[in-house]
Each structure stands twice: as structure tokens, then as C-alpha cells.
N, C-alpha and C. Protein backbone atom coordinates (compact mmCIF):
# COMPACT_ATOMS: atom_id res chain seq x y z
N MET A 1 4.82 -35.88 -47.86
CA MET A 1 3.95 -34.88 -48.46
C MET A 1 2.55 -35.04 -47.88
N PRO A 2 1.98 -34.00 -47.32
CA PRO A 2 0.63 -34.09 -46.75
C PRO A 2 -0.43 -34.27 -47.83
N LYS A 3 -1.52 -34.94 -47.45
CA LYS A 3 -2.63 -35.13 -48.37
C LYS A 3 -3.39 -33.82 -48.54
N ASN A 4 -4.25 -33.79 -49.55
CA ASN A 4 -5.02 -32.58 -49.83
C ASN A 4 -5.92 -32.17 -48.68
N ASP A 5 -6.57 -33.17 -48.03
CA ASP A 5 -7.45 -32.82 -46.92
C ASP A 5 -6.67 -32.29 -45.72
N GLU A 6 -5.45 -32.79 -45.52
CA GLU A 6 -4.60 -32.27 -44.45
C GLU A 6 -4.19 -30.82 -44.73
N LYS A 7 -3.84 -30.55 -45.98
CA LYS A 7 -3.47 -29.18 -46.36
C LYS A 7 -4.65 -28.23 -46.19
N LEU A 8 -5.82 -28.68 -46.58
CA LEU A 8 -7.02 -27.86 -46.48
C LEU A 8 -7.36 -27.57 -45.01
N LEU A 9 -7.29 -28.57 -44.15
CA LEU A 9 -7.59 -28.36 -42.73
C LEU A 9 -6.54 -27.48 -42.05
N ALA A 10 -5.28 -27.65 -42.43
CA ALA A 10 -4.22 -26.81 -41.86
C ALA A 10 -4.43 -25.36 -42.27
N ALA A 11 -4.81 -25.13 -43.52
CA ALA A 11 -5.09 -23.76 -43.97
C ALA A 11 -6.34 -23.22 -43.28
N ALA A 12 -7.32 -24.08 -43.04
CA ALA A 12 -8.55 -23.66 -42.37
C ALA A 12 -8.28 -23.19 -40.95
N ILE A 13 -7.27 -23.75 -40.30
CA ILE A 13 -6.91 -23.29 -38.96
C ILE A 13 -6.62 -21.80 -38.98
N TYR A 14 -5.89 -21.35 -39.97
CA TYR A 14 -5.53 -19.93 -40.06
C TYR A 14 -6.69 -19.07 -40.56
N VAL A 15 -7.45 -19.59 -41.52
CA VAL A 15 -8.55 -18.82 -42.09
C VAL A 15 -9.66 -18.62 -41.05
N LEU A 16 -9.91 -19.63 -40.23
CA LEU A 16 -10.95 -19.50 -39.20
C LEU A 16 -10.60 -18.45 -38.16
N ASN A 17 -9.35 -18.05 -38.10
CA ASN A 17 -8.93 -17.00 -37.19
C ASN A 17 -9.72 -15.71 -37.42
N PHE A 18 -10.15 -15.45 -38.64
CA PHE A 18 -10.87 -14.23 -38.96
C PHE A 18 -12.34 -14.29 -38.50
N PHE A 19 -12.86 -15.49 -38.24
CA PHE A 19 -14.27 -15.64 -37.90
C PHE A 19 -14.48 -16.11 -36.45
N VAL A 20 -13.79 -17.15 -36.06
CA VAL A 20 -13.86 -17.68 -34.68
C VAL A 20 -12.43 -17.96 -34.22
N PRO A 21 -11.75 -16.96 -33.69
CA PRO A 21 -10.30 -17.03 -33.45
C PRO A 21 -9.81 -18.18 -32.58
N ILE A 22 -10.55 -18.61 -31.60
CA ILE A 22 -10.06 -19.67 -30.73
C ILE A 22 -10.76 -20.99 -30.99
N LEU A 23 -12.08 -20.98 -31.01
CA LEU A 23 -12.86 -22.20 -31.05
C LEU A 23 -12.66 -23.01 -32.34
N GLY A 24 -12.75 -22.37 -33.49
CA GLY A 24 -12.62 -23.09 -34.76
C GLY A 24 -11.27 -23.78 -34.92
N PRO A 25 -10.17 -23.03 -34.80
CA PRO A 25 -8.86 -23.68 -34.92
C PRO A 25 -8.61 -24.74 -33.83
N LEU A 26 -9.12 -24.49 -32.63
CA LEU A 26 -8.93 -25.44 -31.54
C LEU A 26 -9.62 -26.77 -31.84
N LEU A 27 -10.84 -26.70 -32.37
CA LEU A 27 -11.56 -27.94 -32.69
C LEU A 27 -10.84 -28.75 -33.77
N ILE A 28 -10.41 -28.07 -34.82
CA ILE A 28 -9.68 -28.78 -35.88
C ILE A 28 -8.43 -29.42 -35.32
N TRP A 29 -7.68 -28.64 -34.56
CA TRP A 29 -6.41 -29.14 -34.02
C TRP A 29 -6.63 -30.31 -33.06
N LEU A 30 -7.59 -30.20 -32.16
CA LEU A 30 -7.81 -31.27 -31.18
C LEU A 30 -8.29 -32.56 -31.83
N PHE A 31 -9.15 -32.46 -32.84
CA PHE A 31 -9.68 -33.66 -33.47
C PHE A 31 -8.71 -34.31 -34.45
N LYS A 32 -7.81 -33.55 -35.03
CA LYS A 32 -6.96 -34.09 -36.10
C LYS A 32 -5.48 -34.18 -35.75
N LYS A 33 -5.05 -33.68 -34.60
CA LYS A 33 -3.62 -33.64 -34.30
C LYS A 33 -3.00 -35.03 -34.17
N ASP A 34 -3.76 -36.02 -33.73
CA ASP A 34 -3.22 -37.37 -33.59
C ASP A 34 -3.17 -38.11 -34.93
N GLU A 35 -3.98 -37.69 -35.87
CA GLU A 35 -4.03 -38.33 -37.18
C GLU A 35 -3.00 -37.78 -38.16
N SER A 36 -2.61 -36.52 -37.97
CA SER A 36 -1.73 -35.88 -38.94
C SER A 36 -0.70 -35.01 -38.24
N SER A 37 0.56 -35.30 -38.48
CA SER A 37 1.62 -34.47 -37.90
C SER A 37 1.64 -33.09 -38.56
N PHE A 38 1.18 -32.99 -39.79
CA PHE A 38 1.13 -31.71 -40.49
C PHE A 38 0.11 -30.78 -39.82
N ILE A 39 -1.06 -31.30 -39.52
CA ILE A 39 -2.08 -30.49 -38.84
C ILE A 39 -1.64 -30.18 -37.43
N ASP A 40 -0.98 -31.11 -36.77
CA ASP A 40 -0.47 -30.86 -35.42
C ASP A 40 0.55 -29.73 -35.44
N TYR A 41 1.45 -29.73 -36.41
CA TYR A 41 2.44 -28.67 -36.52
C TYR A 41 1.78 -27.31 -36.69
N HIS A 42 0.83 -27.22 -37.62
CA HIS A 42 0.19 -25.93 -37.89
C HIS A 42 -0.72 -25.51 -36.75
N GLY A 43 -1.33 -26.45 -36.05
CA GLY A 43 -2.13 -26.10 -34.88
C GLY A 43 -1.27 -25.52 -33.78
N ARG A 44 -0.13 -26.13 -33.53
CA ARG A 44 0.80 -25.60 -32.52
C ARG A 44 1.32 -24.22 -32.94
N GLU A 45 1.66 -24.09 -34.19
CA GLU A 45 2.18 -22.82 -34.69
C GLU A 45 1.11 -21.73 -34.55
N TYR A 46 -0.13 -22.07 -34.85
CA TYR A 46 -1.21 -21.09 -34.74
C TYR A 46 -1.40 -20.64 -33.30
N PHE A 47 -1.43 -21.58 -32.37
CA PHE A 47 -1.67 -21.18 -30.98
C PHE A 47 -0.47 -20.48 -30.37
N ASN A 48 0.73 -20.81 -30.80
CA ASN A 48 1.89 -20.01 -30.39
C ASN A 48 1.76 -18.59 -30.92
N PHE A 49 1.29 -18.46 -32.15
CA PHE A 49 1.04 -17.16 -32.77
C PHE A 49 0.01 -16.37 -31.97
N MET A 50 -1.09 -17.02 -31.60
CA MET A 50 -2.14 -16.34 -30.84
C MET A 50 -1.64 -15.86 -29.48
N ILE A 51 -0.90 -16.70 -28.79
CA ILE A 51 -0.36 -16.33 -27.48
C ILE A 51 0.60 -15.14 -27.63
N SER A 52 1.50 -15.24 -28.58
CA SER A 52 2.50 -14.19 -28.77
C SER A 52 1.86 -12.85 -29.13
N TYR A 53 0.96 -12.87 -30.09
CA TYR A 53 0.38 -11.61 -30.54
C TYR A 53 -0.62 -11.04 -29.53
N THR A 54 -1.19 -11.88 -28.69
CA THR A 54 -2.01 -11.38 -27.59
C THR A 54 -1.14 -10.61 -26.60
N VAL A 55 0.04 -11.16 -26.31
CA VAL A 55 0.98 -10.46 -25.42
C VAL A 55 1.42 -9.14 -26.06
N TYR A 56 1.74 -9.17 -27.35
CA TYR A 56 2.15 -7.94 -28.03
C TYR A 56 1.04 -6.89 -28.01
N MET A 57 -0.20 -7.31 -28.22
CA MET A 57 -1.31 -6.36 -28.20
C MET A 57 -1.54 -5.80 -26.80
N PHE A 58 -1.38 -6.64 -25.78
CA PHE A 58 -1.55 -6.18 -24.41
C PHE A 58 -0.49 -5.13 -24.06
N VAL A 59 0.75 -5.41 -24.42
CA VAL A 59 1.83 -4.46 -24.15
C VAL A 59 1.60 -3.17 -24.94
N SER A 60 1.18 -3.29 -26.18
CA SER A 60 0.90 -2.10 -26.99
C SER A 60 -0.24 -1.30 -26.38
N GLY A 61 -1.24 -2.01 -25.86
CA GLY A 61 -2.34 -1.32 -25.19
C GLY A 61 -1.88 -0.54 -23.97
N LEU A 62 -0.97 -1.13 -23.22
CA LEU A 62 -0.41 -0.42 -22.08
C LEU A 62 0.41 0.79 -22.52
N LEU A 63 1.08 0.67 -23.65
CA LEU A 63 1.90 1.77 -24.14
C LEU A 63 1.09 2.93 -24.71
N THR A 64 -0.22 2.73 -24.86
CA THR A 64 -1.03 3.86 -25.33
C THR A 64 -1.03 5.00 -24.32
N ILE A 65 -0.67 4.69 -23.09
CA ILE A 65 -0.57 5.74 -22.07
C ILE A 65 0.47 6.78 -22.48
N ILE A 66 1.53 6.32 -23.13
CA ILE A 66 2.57 7.26 -23.57
C ILE A 66 2.53 7.46 -25.08
N VAL A 67 1.38 7.30 -25.67
CA VAL A 67 1.05 7.60 -27.06
C VAL A 67 1.69 6.66 -28.08
N ILE A 68 2.88 6.15 -27.84
CA ILE A 68 3.52 5.28 -28.83
C ILE A 68 2.75 3.98 -29.02
N GLY A 69 1.93 3.63 -28.06
CA GLY A 69 1.14 2.41 -28.15
C GLY A 69 0.16 2.40 -29.30
N PHE A 70 -0.35 3.57 -29.69
CA PHE A 70 -1.29 3.63 -30.81
C PHE A 70 -0.61 3.17 -32.10
N LEU A 71 0.60 3.59 -32.31
CA LEU A 71 1.37 3.14 -33.47
C LEU A 71 1.70 1.65 -33.34
N ALA A 72 2.08 1.23 -32.14
CA ALA A 72 2.42 -0.18 -31.92
C ALA A 72 1.20 -1.08 -32.14
N LEU A 73 0.03 -0.65 -31.69
CA LEU A 73 -1.20 -1.44 -31.93
C LEU A 73 -1.45 -1.61 -33.42
N TRP A 74 -1.28 -0.54 -34.18
CA TRP A 74 -1.50 -0.60 -35.62
C TRP A 74 -0.49 -1.54 -36.28
N ILE A 75 0.76 -1.45 -35.89
CA ILE A 75 1.81 -2.29 -36.47
C ILE A 75 1.59 -3.76 -36.13
N VAL A 76 1.31 -4.05 -34.87
CA VAL A 76 1.10 -5.44 -34.45
C VAL A 76 -0.12 -6.02 -35.14
N GLY A 77 -1.20 -5.26 -35.24
CA GLY A 77 -2.39 -5.74 -35.93
C GLY A 77 -2.15 -6.02 -37.40
N THR A 78 -1.43 -5.14 -38.06
CA THR A 78 -1.11 -5.33 -39.47
C THR A 78 -0.22 -6.56 -39.68
N LEU A 79 0.80 -6.71 -38.84
CA LEU A 79 1.68 -7.87 -38.94
C LEU A 79 0.92 -9.17 -38.69
N ALA A 80 0.06 -9.18 -37.70
CA ALA A 80 -0.73 -10.38 -37.41
C ALA A 80 -1.60 -10.76 -38.60
N PHE A 81 -2.22 -9.78 -39.22
CA PHE A 81 -3.06 -10.03 -40.39
C PHE A 81 -2.25 -10.61 -41.55
N ILE A 82 -1.11 -9.99 -41.83
CA ILE A 82 -0.27 -10.43 -42.95
C ILE A 82 0.30 -11.82 -42.70
N PHE A 83 0.86 -12.04 -41.50
CA PHE A 83 1.46 -13.34 -41.20
C PHE A 83 0.41 -14.46 -41.20
N ASN A 84 -0.80 -14.14 -40.79
CA ASN A 84 -1.87 -15.13 -40.79
C ASN A 84 -2.23 -15.56 -42.22
N ILE A 85 -2.30 -14.61 -43.12
CA ILE A 85 -2.61 -14.92 -44.52
C ILE A 85 -1.47 -15.72 -45.15
N VAL A 86 -0.23 -15.31 -44.90
CA VAL A 86 0.92 -16.03 -45.45
C VAL A 86 0.95 -17.47 -44.93
N ALA A 87 0.66 -17.65 -43.64
CA ALA A 87 0.66 -18.99 -43.05
C ALA A 87 -0.43 -19.86 -43.67
N ALA A 88 -1.59 -19.29 -43.93
CA ALA A 88 -2.67 -20.06 -44.56
C ALA A 88 -2.27 -20.50 -45.97
N ILE A 89 -1.64 -19.62 -46.71
CA ILE A 89 -1.19 -19.97 -48.07
C ILE A 89 -0.12 -21.05 -48.02
N LYS A 90 0.84 -20.91 -47.12
CA LYS A 90 1.91 -21.91 -47.01
C LYS A 90 1.34 -23.26 -46.59
N ALA A 91 0.38 -23.27 -45.66
CA ALA A 91 -0.23 -24.53 -45.23
C ALA A 91 -0.98 -25.17 -46.39
N PHE A 92 -1.68 -24.36 -47.16
CA PHE A 92 -2.41 -24.90 -48.31
C PHE A 92 -1.48 -25.45 -49.37
N GLU A 93 -0.27 -24.90 -49.46
CA GLU A 93 0.73 -25.41 -50.40
C GLU A 93 1.45 -26.64 -49.86
N GLY A 94 1.20 -26.99 -48.60
CA GLY A 94 1.82 -28.17 -48.01
C GLY A 94 3.18 -27.92 -47.39
N GLN A 95 3.48 -26.67 -47.09
CA GLN A 95 4.78 -26.32 -46.52
C GLN A 95 4.66 -26.05 -45.03
N HIS A 96 5.74 -26.30 -44.32
CA HIS A 96 5.83 -25.92 -42.91
C HIS A 96 6.29 -24.47 -42.87
N TYR A 97 5.56 -23.65 -42.14
CA TYR A 97 5.87 -22.22 -42.07
C TYR A 97 6.02 -21.82 -40.61
N ARG A 98 7.14 -21.21 -40.28
CA ARG A 98 7.37 -20.71 -38.93
C ARG A 98 7.12 -19.21 -38.94
N MET A 99 6.11 -18.82 -38.22
CA MET A 99 5.76 -17.40 -38.17
C MET A 99 6.84 -16.61 -37.45
N PRO A 100 7.18 -15.45 -37.97
CA PRO A 100 8.18 -14.62 -37.30
C PRO A 100 7.62 -14.00 -36.02
N LEU A 101 8.53 -13.68 -35.10
CA LEU A 101 8.21 -12.97 -33.86
C LEU A 101 7.27 -13.75 -32.95
N VAL A 102 7.36 -15.07 -32.95
CA VAL A 102 6.45 -15.90 -32.16
C VAL A 102 7.22 -16.64 -31.08
N PHE A 103 6.66 -16.65 -29.86
CA PHE A 103 7.24 -17.44 -28.77
C PHE A 103 6.85 -18.90 -29.01
N ARG A 104 7.78 -19.81 -28.93
CA ARG A 104 7.51 -21.23 -29.10
C ARG A 104 7.20 -21.85 -27.73
N LEU A 105 5.96 -21.81 -27.32
CA LEU A 105 5.56 -22.34 -26.02
C LEU A 105 4.97 -23.73 -26.10
N LEU A 106 4.28 -24.05 -27.19
CA LEU A 106 3.66 -25.36 -27.34
C LEU A 106 4.53 -26.29 -28.15
């Protein structure tokens, strides 16, 4: 069972996405990943999420040429927002959460 400070930092990785999407979560993950496997797990999950949804947004942006991309951009953005909030809540509860539709690269 992760400690309270580990749960708080893991949740902060996801919450900082709304303010400083790369730098904030990266600093937490780099400084704490060797001390806590829980923070390491959520840091990897977050960056896999960022890579995956960046690819999805890029493809959706390309699809705007044929109009369907506008709908795809809205859907991908909404899903990213929802999954990010759910992941923050699960991390704060001390649970391991695997985000849907994510490439596992890290």
C-alpha cells in the first residue's frame, strides 16, 4: 500500500497536466521514480498517455482536411480530459490505473 505522500505525488502528476503538461509531471517522476514504484508506475502511465494522445490529436488534425477531424479532435480532447481526471482520482486512492487507448512505450 503506497504512503499518503506517494499517493499525493502520483495524483499531482495528472493534475499538473492542466497547468504545465510536460515539465511538472516530468520533474516529479524523475525525482521520485527511484524512491517509489507507485510514482514510477503513474509517471510511466502518464507519459504513455501523453505520447498516445499527442499522436491521436495529430492524426485528428490531419483529418480536418476531410471534415471528420473536427469531430475527432473534440472526442479525443474530451476523452483525454476525462481519463486524466479518473487517473488522478485513482492515484489519490492508491490504485494502479491503466488508461484506455494508450500505447505502452515506456
